[in-house]
């Protein structure tokens, strides 16, 4: 009877003991995912094409949804096209989250969703929502694809 009670107690206690480690790993993964996005923003700001592309998978895809008076228009780009468009633009590009983004991680996949704004040469262009999907590639997180809204009106002050 004592052995059964002890075995039962140890079995029930095991998941409780494992929970903090799982939570710590999830928090570490979420932090690593945000670090990848921050690295991408920093490379954009520095116009460092090798660093910009290093954070993305080679076959990554990007979709920008621009709000117009007629509705939404869509622009699709691959990694190289996006780098050409952003990094060849004159002036310093600063993109940032304007509120804490939502980060979801499950094993080797992650999603980051949050409101952002972007400025070039100190002038705000627009704001909107960024939505990134990342894949864990070995020890690092890579952007598999991203989509965002381009909303010139209604940006927070």
C-alpha atoms as a PDB file:
ATOM      1  CA  UNK A   1       0.000   0.000   0.000  1.00  0.00           C
ATOM      2  CA  UNK A   2       2.796   2.424   0.931  1.00  0.00           C
ATOM      3  CA  UNK A   3       4.621   1.712  -2.373  1.00  0.00           C
ATOM      4  CA  UNK A   4       1.438   2.317  -4.355  1.00  0.00           C
ATOM      5  CA  UNK A   5       0.810   5.614  -2.554  1.00  0.00           C
ATOM      6  CA  UNK A   6       4.424   6.687  -3.064  1.00  0.00           C
ATOM      7  CA  UNK A   7       4.362   5.734  -6.754  1.00  0.00           C
ATOM      8  CA  UNK A   8       1.079   7.592  -7.231  1.00  0.00           C
ATOM      9  CA  UNK A   9       2.400  10.687  -5.457  1.00  0.00           C
ATOM     10  CA  UNK A  10       5.573  10.709  -7.558  1.00  0.00           C
ATOM     11  CA  UNK A  11       3.614  10.207 -10.775  1.00  0.00           C
ATOM     12  CA  UNK A  12       1.255  13.066  -9.970  1.00  0.00           C
ATOM     13  CA  UNK A  13       4.113  15.331  -8.906  1.00  0.00           C
ATOM     14  CA  UNK A  14       6.154  14.793 -12.092  1.00  0.00           C
ATOM     15  CA  UNK A  15       4.080  17.047 -14.390  1.00  0.00           C
ATOM     16  CA  UNK A  16       4.053  19.794 -11.774  1.00  0.00           C
ATOM     17  CA  UNK A  17       7.834  19.652 -11.511  1.00  0.00           C
ATOM     18  CA  UNK A  18       8.167  19.731 -15.317  1.00  0.00           C
ATOM     19  CA  UNK A  19       5.893  22.750 -15.796  1.00  0.00           C
ATOM     20  CA  UNK A  20       8.407  25.451 -14.775  1.00  0.00           C
ATOM     21  CA  UNK A  21      11.007  24.076 -17.198  1.00  0.00           C
ATOM     22  CA  UNK A  22       8.454  24.034 -20.028  1.00  0.00           C
ATOM     23  CA  UNK A  23       7.399  27.589 -19.193  1.00  0.00           C
ATOM     24  CA  UNK A  24      11.023  28.732 -19.103  1.00  0.00           C
ATOM     25  CA  UNK A  25      11.654  27.149 -22.507  1.00  0.00           C
ATOM     26  CA  UNK A  26       8.529  28.790 -23.967  1.00  0.00           C
ATOM     27  CA  UNK A  27       9.653  32.167 -22.614  1.00  0.00           C
ATOM     28  CA  UNK A  28      13.153  31.623 -24.036  1.00  0.00           C
ATOM     29  CA  UNK A  29      11.709  30.660 -27.429  1.00  0.00           C
ATOM     30  CA  UNK A  30       9.422  33.721 -27.445  1.00  0.00           C
ATOM     31  CA  UNK A  31      12.397  35.950 -26.595  1.00  0.00           C
ATOM     32  CA  UNK A  32      14.478  34.341 -29.367  1.00  0.00           C
ATOM     33  CA  UNK A  33      11.657  34.873 -31.881  1.00  0.00           C
ATOM     34  CA  UNK A  34      11.428  38.571 -30.945  1.00  0.00           C
ATOM     35  CA  UNK A  35      15.212  38.846 -31.192  1.00  0.00           C
ATOM     36  CA  UNK A  36      14.991  37.590 -34.787  1.00  0.00           C
ATOM     37  CA  UNK A  37      12.385  40.243 -35.626  1.00  0.00           C
ATOM     38  CA  UNK A  38      14.429  42.946 -33.848  1.00  0.00           C
ATOM     39  CA  UNK A  39      17.498  41.845 -35.853  1.00  0.00           C
ATOM     40  CA  UNK A  40      15.492  42.198 -39.061  1.00  0.00           C
ATOM     41  CA  UNK A  41      14.364  45.720 -38.075  1.00  0.00           C
ATOM     42  CA  UNK A  42      17.971  46.634 -37.144  1.00  0.00           C
ATOM     43  CA  UNK A  43      19.333  45.315 -40.461  1.00  0.00           C
ATOM     44  CA  UNK A  44      16.660  47.317 -42.302  1.00  0.00           C
ATOM     45  CA  UNK A  45      17.682  50.451 -40.399  1.00  0.00           C
ATOM     46  CA  UNK A  46      21.380  49.848 -41.134  1.00  0.00           C
ATOM     47  CA  UNK A  47      20.604  48.914 -44.762  1.00  0.00           C
ATOM     48  CA  UNK A  48      22.667  45.783 -44.207  1.00  0.00           C
ATOM     49  CA  UNK A  49      21.409  43.458 -46.932  1.00  0.00           C
ATOM     50  CA  UNK A  50      23.342  40.336 -45.830  1.00  0.00           C
ATOM     51  CA  UNK A  51      22.017  40.695 -42.254  1.00  0.00           C
ATOM     52  CA  UNK A  52      18.515  41.540 -43.532  1.00  0.00           C
ATOM     53  CA  UNK A  53      18.368  38.438 -45.719  1.00  0.00           C
ATOM     54  CA  UNK A  54      20.047  36.208 -43.114  1.00  0.00           C
ATOM     55  CA  UNK A  55      16.981  36.462 -40.858  1.00  0.00           C
ATOM     56  CA  UNK A  56      14.716  35.200 -43.670  1.00  0.00           C
ATOM     57  CA  UNK A  57      14.369  31.815 -45.309  1.00  0.00           C
ATOM     58  CA  UNK A  58      15.524  31.839 -48.933  1.00  0.00           C
ATOM     59  CA  UNK A  59      12.010  31.199 -50.250  1.00  0.00           C
ATOM     60  CA  UNK A  60      10.182  33.538 -47.874  1.00  0.00           C
ATOM     61  CA  UNK A  61       7.199  35.516 -49.150  1.00  0.00           C
ATOM     62  CA  UNK A  62       5.846  38.929 -48.177  1.00  0.00           C
ATOM     63  CA  UNK A  63       2.443  40.516 -48.712  1.00  0.00           C
ATOM     64  CA  UNK A  64       1.643  44.153 -48.016  1.00  0.00           C
ATOM     65  CA  UNK A  65      -2.030  45.128 -47.830  1.00  0.00           C
ATOM     66  CA  UNK A  66      -2.447  48.867 -48.543  1.00  0.00           C
ATOM     67  CA  UNK A  67      -5.610  50.651 -47.449  1.00  0.00           C
ATOM     68  CA  UNK A  68      -6.969  52.927 -50.151  1.00  0.00           C
ATOM     69  CA  UNK A  69     -10.206  54.846 -50.603  1.00  0.00           C
ATOM     70  CA  UNK A  70     -11.472  51.929 -52.754  1.00  0.00           C
ATOM     71  CA  UNK A  71     -10.523  49.226 -50.220  1.00  0.00           C
ATOM     72  CA  UNK A  72      -7.369  47.129 -49.906  1.00  0.00           C
ATOM     73  CA  UNK A  73      -4.734  46.509 -52.564  1.00  0.00           C
ATOM     74  CA  UNK A  74      -2.160  43.742 -52.344  1.00  0.00           C
ATOM     75  CA  UNK A  75       1.556  43.787 -53.176  1.00  0.00           C
ATOM     76  CA  UNK A  76       3.550  40.516 -53.087  1.00  0.00           C
ATOM     77  CA  UNK A  77       7.330  40.291 -52.912  1.00  0.00           C
ATOM     78  CA  UNK A  78       9.949  37.605 -52.432  1.00  0.00           C
ATOM     79  CA  UNK A  79      13.002  38.070 -50.198  1.00  0.00           C
ATOM     80  CA  UNK A  80      15.177  39.674 -52.870  1.00  0.00           C
ATOM     81  CA  UNK A  81      12.446  42.018 -54.112  1.00  0.00           C
ATOM     82  CA  UNK A  82      11.681  43.158 -50.573  1.00  0.00           C
ATOM     83  CA  UNK A  83      15.360  43.844 -49.889  1.00  0.00           C
ATOM     84  CA  UNK A  84      15.628  45.841 -53.139  1.00  0.00           C
ATOM     85  CA  UNK A  85      12.519  47.890 -52.320  1.00  0.00           C
ATOM     86  CA  UNK A  86      13.389  48.693 -48.707  1.00  0.00           C
ATOM     87  CA  UNK A  87      17.157  48.878 -48.607  1.00  0.00           C
ATOM     88  CA  UNK A  88      17.601  50.987 -51.756  1.00  0.00           C
ATOM     89  CA  UNK A  89      15.244  53.654 -50.457  1.00  0.00           C
ATOM     90  CA  UNK A  90      17.049  56.886 -49.454  1.00  0.00           C
ATOM     91  CA  UNK A  91      16.997  57.830 -45.764  1.00  0.00           C
ATOM     92  CA  UNK A  92      17.126  55.814 -42.574  1.00  0.00           C
ATOM     93  CA  UNK A  93      14.220  53.361 -42.256  1.00  0.00           C
ATOM     94  CA  UNK A  94      12.928  52.782 -38.727  1.00  0.00           C
ATOM     95  CA  UNK A  95      10.237  50.188 -38.183  1.00  0.00           C
ATOM     96  CA  UNK A  96       9.122  49.373 -34.648  1.00  0.00           C
ATOM     97  CA  UNK A  97       6.299  47.775 -32.741  1.00  0.00           C
ATOM     98  CA  UNK A  98       4.202  50.473 -31.075  1.00  0.00           C
ATOM     99  CA  UNK A  99       2.797  48.050 -28.533  1.00  0.00           C
ATOM    100  CA  UNK A 100       3.938  44.723 -27.183  1.00  0.00           C
ATOM    101  CA  UNK A 101       3.352  42.150 -29.949  1.00  0.00           C
ATOM    102  CA  UNK A 102       1.631  38.816 -29.432  1.00  0.00           C
ATOM    103  CA  UNK A 103       4.081  35.923 -29.744  1.00  0.00           C
ATOM    104  CA  UNK A 104       2.882  32.339 -30.141  1.00  0.00           C
ATOM    105  CA  UNK A 105       5.377  29.468 -30.258  1.00  0.00           C
ATOM    106  CA  UNK A 106       4.749  25.772 -30.688  1.00  0.00           C
ATOM    107  CA  UNK A 107       7.804  23.618 -31.248  1.00  0.00           C
ATOM    108  CA  UNK A 108       9.576  24.845 -34.409  1.00  0.00           C
ATOM    109  CA  UNK A 109       6.918  27.348 -35.540  1.00  0.00           C
ATOM    110  CA  UNK A 110       6.098  30.820 -34.266  1.00  0.00           C
ATOM    111  CA  UNK A 111       3.810  33.729 -35.047  1.00  0.00           C
ATOM    112  CA  UNK A 112       4.362  37.367 -34.103  1.00  0.00           C
ATOM    113  CA  UNK A 113       1.478  39.811 -34.492  1.00  0.00           C
ATOM    114  CA  UNK A 114       1.539  43.453 -33.483  1.00  0.00           C
ATOM    115  CA  UNK A 115       0.870  47.076 -34.344  1.00  0.00           C
ATOM    116  CA  UNK A 116       3.826  48.927 -35.861  1.00  0.00           C
ATOM    117  CA  UNK A 117       4.828  52.191 -37.398  1.00  0.00           C
ATOM    118  CA  UNK A 118       7.528  52.963 -39.922  1.00  0.00           C
ATOM    119  CA  UNK A 119       9.388  56.149 -40.705  1.00  0.00           C
ATOM    120  CA  UNK A 120      11.943  57.123 -43.325  1.00  0.00           C
ATOM    121  CA  UNK A 121      14.415  59.935 -42.718  1.00  0.00           C
ATOM    122  CA  UNK A 122      12.530  60.853 -39.542  1.00  0.00           C
ATOM    123  CA  UNK A 123       9.123  61.180 -41.250  1.00  0.00           C
ATOM    124  CA  UNK A 124       6.403  58.648 -40.432  1.00  0.00           C
ATOM    125  CA  UNK A 125       5.146  56.903 -43.553  1.00  0.00           C
ATOM    126  CA  UNK A 126       2.358  54.834 -42.094  1.00  0.00           C
ATOM    127  CA  UNK A 127       1.361  52.379 -39.398  1.00  0.00           C
ATOM    128  CA  UNK A 128      -0.519  49.096 -39.390  1.00  0.00           C
ATOM    129  CA  UNK A 129      -0.272  45.521 -38.219  1.00  0.00           C
ATOM    130  CA  UNK A 130       2.695  43.191 -38.828  1.00  0.00           C
ATOM    131  CA  UNK A 131       2.118  39.439 -38.952  1.00  0.00           C
ATOM    132  CA  UNK A 132       5.252  37.278 -39.080  1.00  0.00           C
ATOM    133  CA  UNK A 133       5.522  33.485 -39.330  1.00  0.00           C
ATOM    134  CA  UNK A 134       8.865  32.034 -38.322  1.00  0.00           C
ATOM    135  CA  UNK A 135      10.433  28.590 -38.527  1.00  0.00           C
ATOM    136  CA  UNK A 136      13.183  27.324 -36.241  1.00  0.00           C
ATOM    137  CA  UNK A 137      16.067  26.483 -38.554  1.00  0.00           C
ATOM    138  CA  UNK A 138      18.615  24.595 -36.479  1.00  0.00           C
ATOM    139  CA  UNK A 139      19.387  26.872 -33.543  1.00  0.00           C
ATOM    140  CA  UNK A 140      17.977  30.075 -35.060  1.00  0.00           C
ATOM    141  CA  UNK A 141      14.565  31.452 -35.985  1.00  0.00           C
ATOM    142  CA  UNK A 142      13.993  32.525 -39.611  1.00  0.00           C
ATOM    143  CA  UNK A 143      11.140  34.518 -41.102  1.00  0.00           C
ATOM    144  CA  UNK A 144       9.207  32.184 -43.404  1.00  0.00           C
ATOM    145  CA  UNK A 145       6.702  34.819 -44.456  1.00  0.00           C
ATOM    146  CA  UNK A 146       5.180  38.067 -43.322  1.00  0.00           C
ATOM    147  CA  UNK A 147       2.219  40.198 -44.154  1.00  0.00           C
ATOM    148  CA  UNK A 148       1.328  43.659 -42.992  1.00  0.00           C
ATOM    149  CA  UNK A 149      -1.195  46.401 -43.449  1.00  0.00           C
ATOM    150  CA  UNK A 150      -0.206  49.835 -44.721  1.00  0.00           C
ATOM    151  CA  UNK A 151      -2.480  52.412 -43.114  1.00  0.00           C
ATOM    152  CA  UNK A 152      -1.429  56.020 -43.764  1.00  0.00           C
ATOM    153  CA  UNK A 153      -4.293  57.460 -41.671  1.00  0.00           C
ATOM    154  CA  UNK A 154      -5.116  56.961 -38.016  1.00  0.00           C
ATOM    155  CA  UNK A 155      -1.629  56.284 -36.682  1.00  0.00           C
ATOM    156  CA  UNK A 156      -1.117  56.893 -32.955  1.00  0.00           C
ATOM    157  CA  UNK A 157       0.618  60.199 -32.197  1.00  0.00           C
END
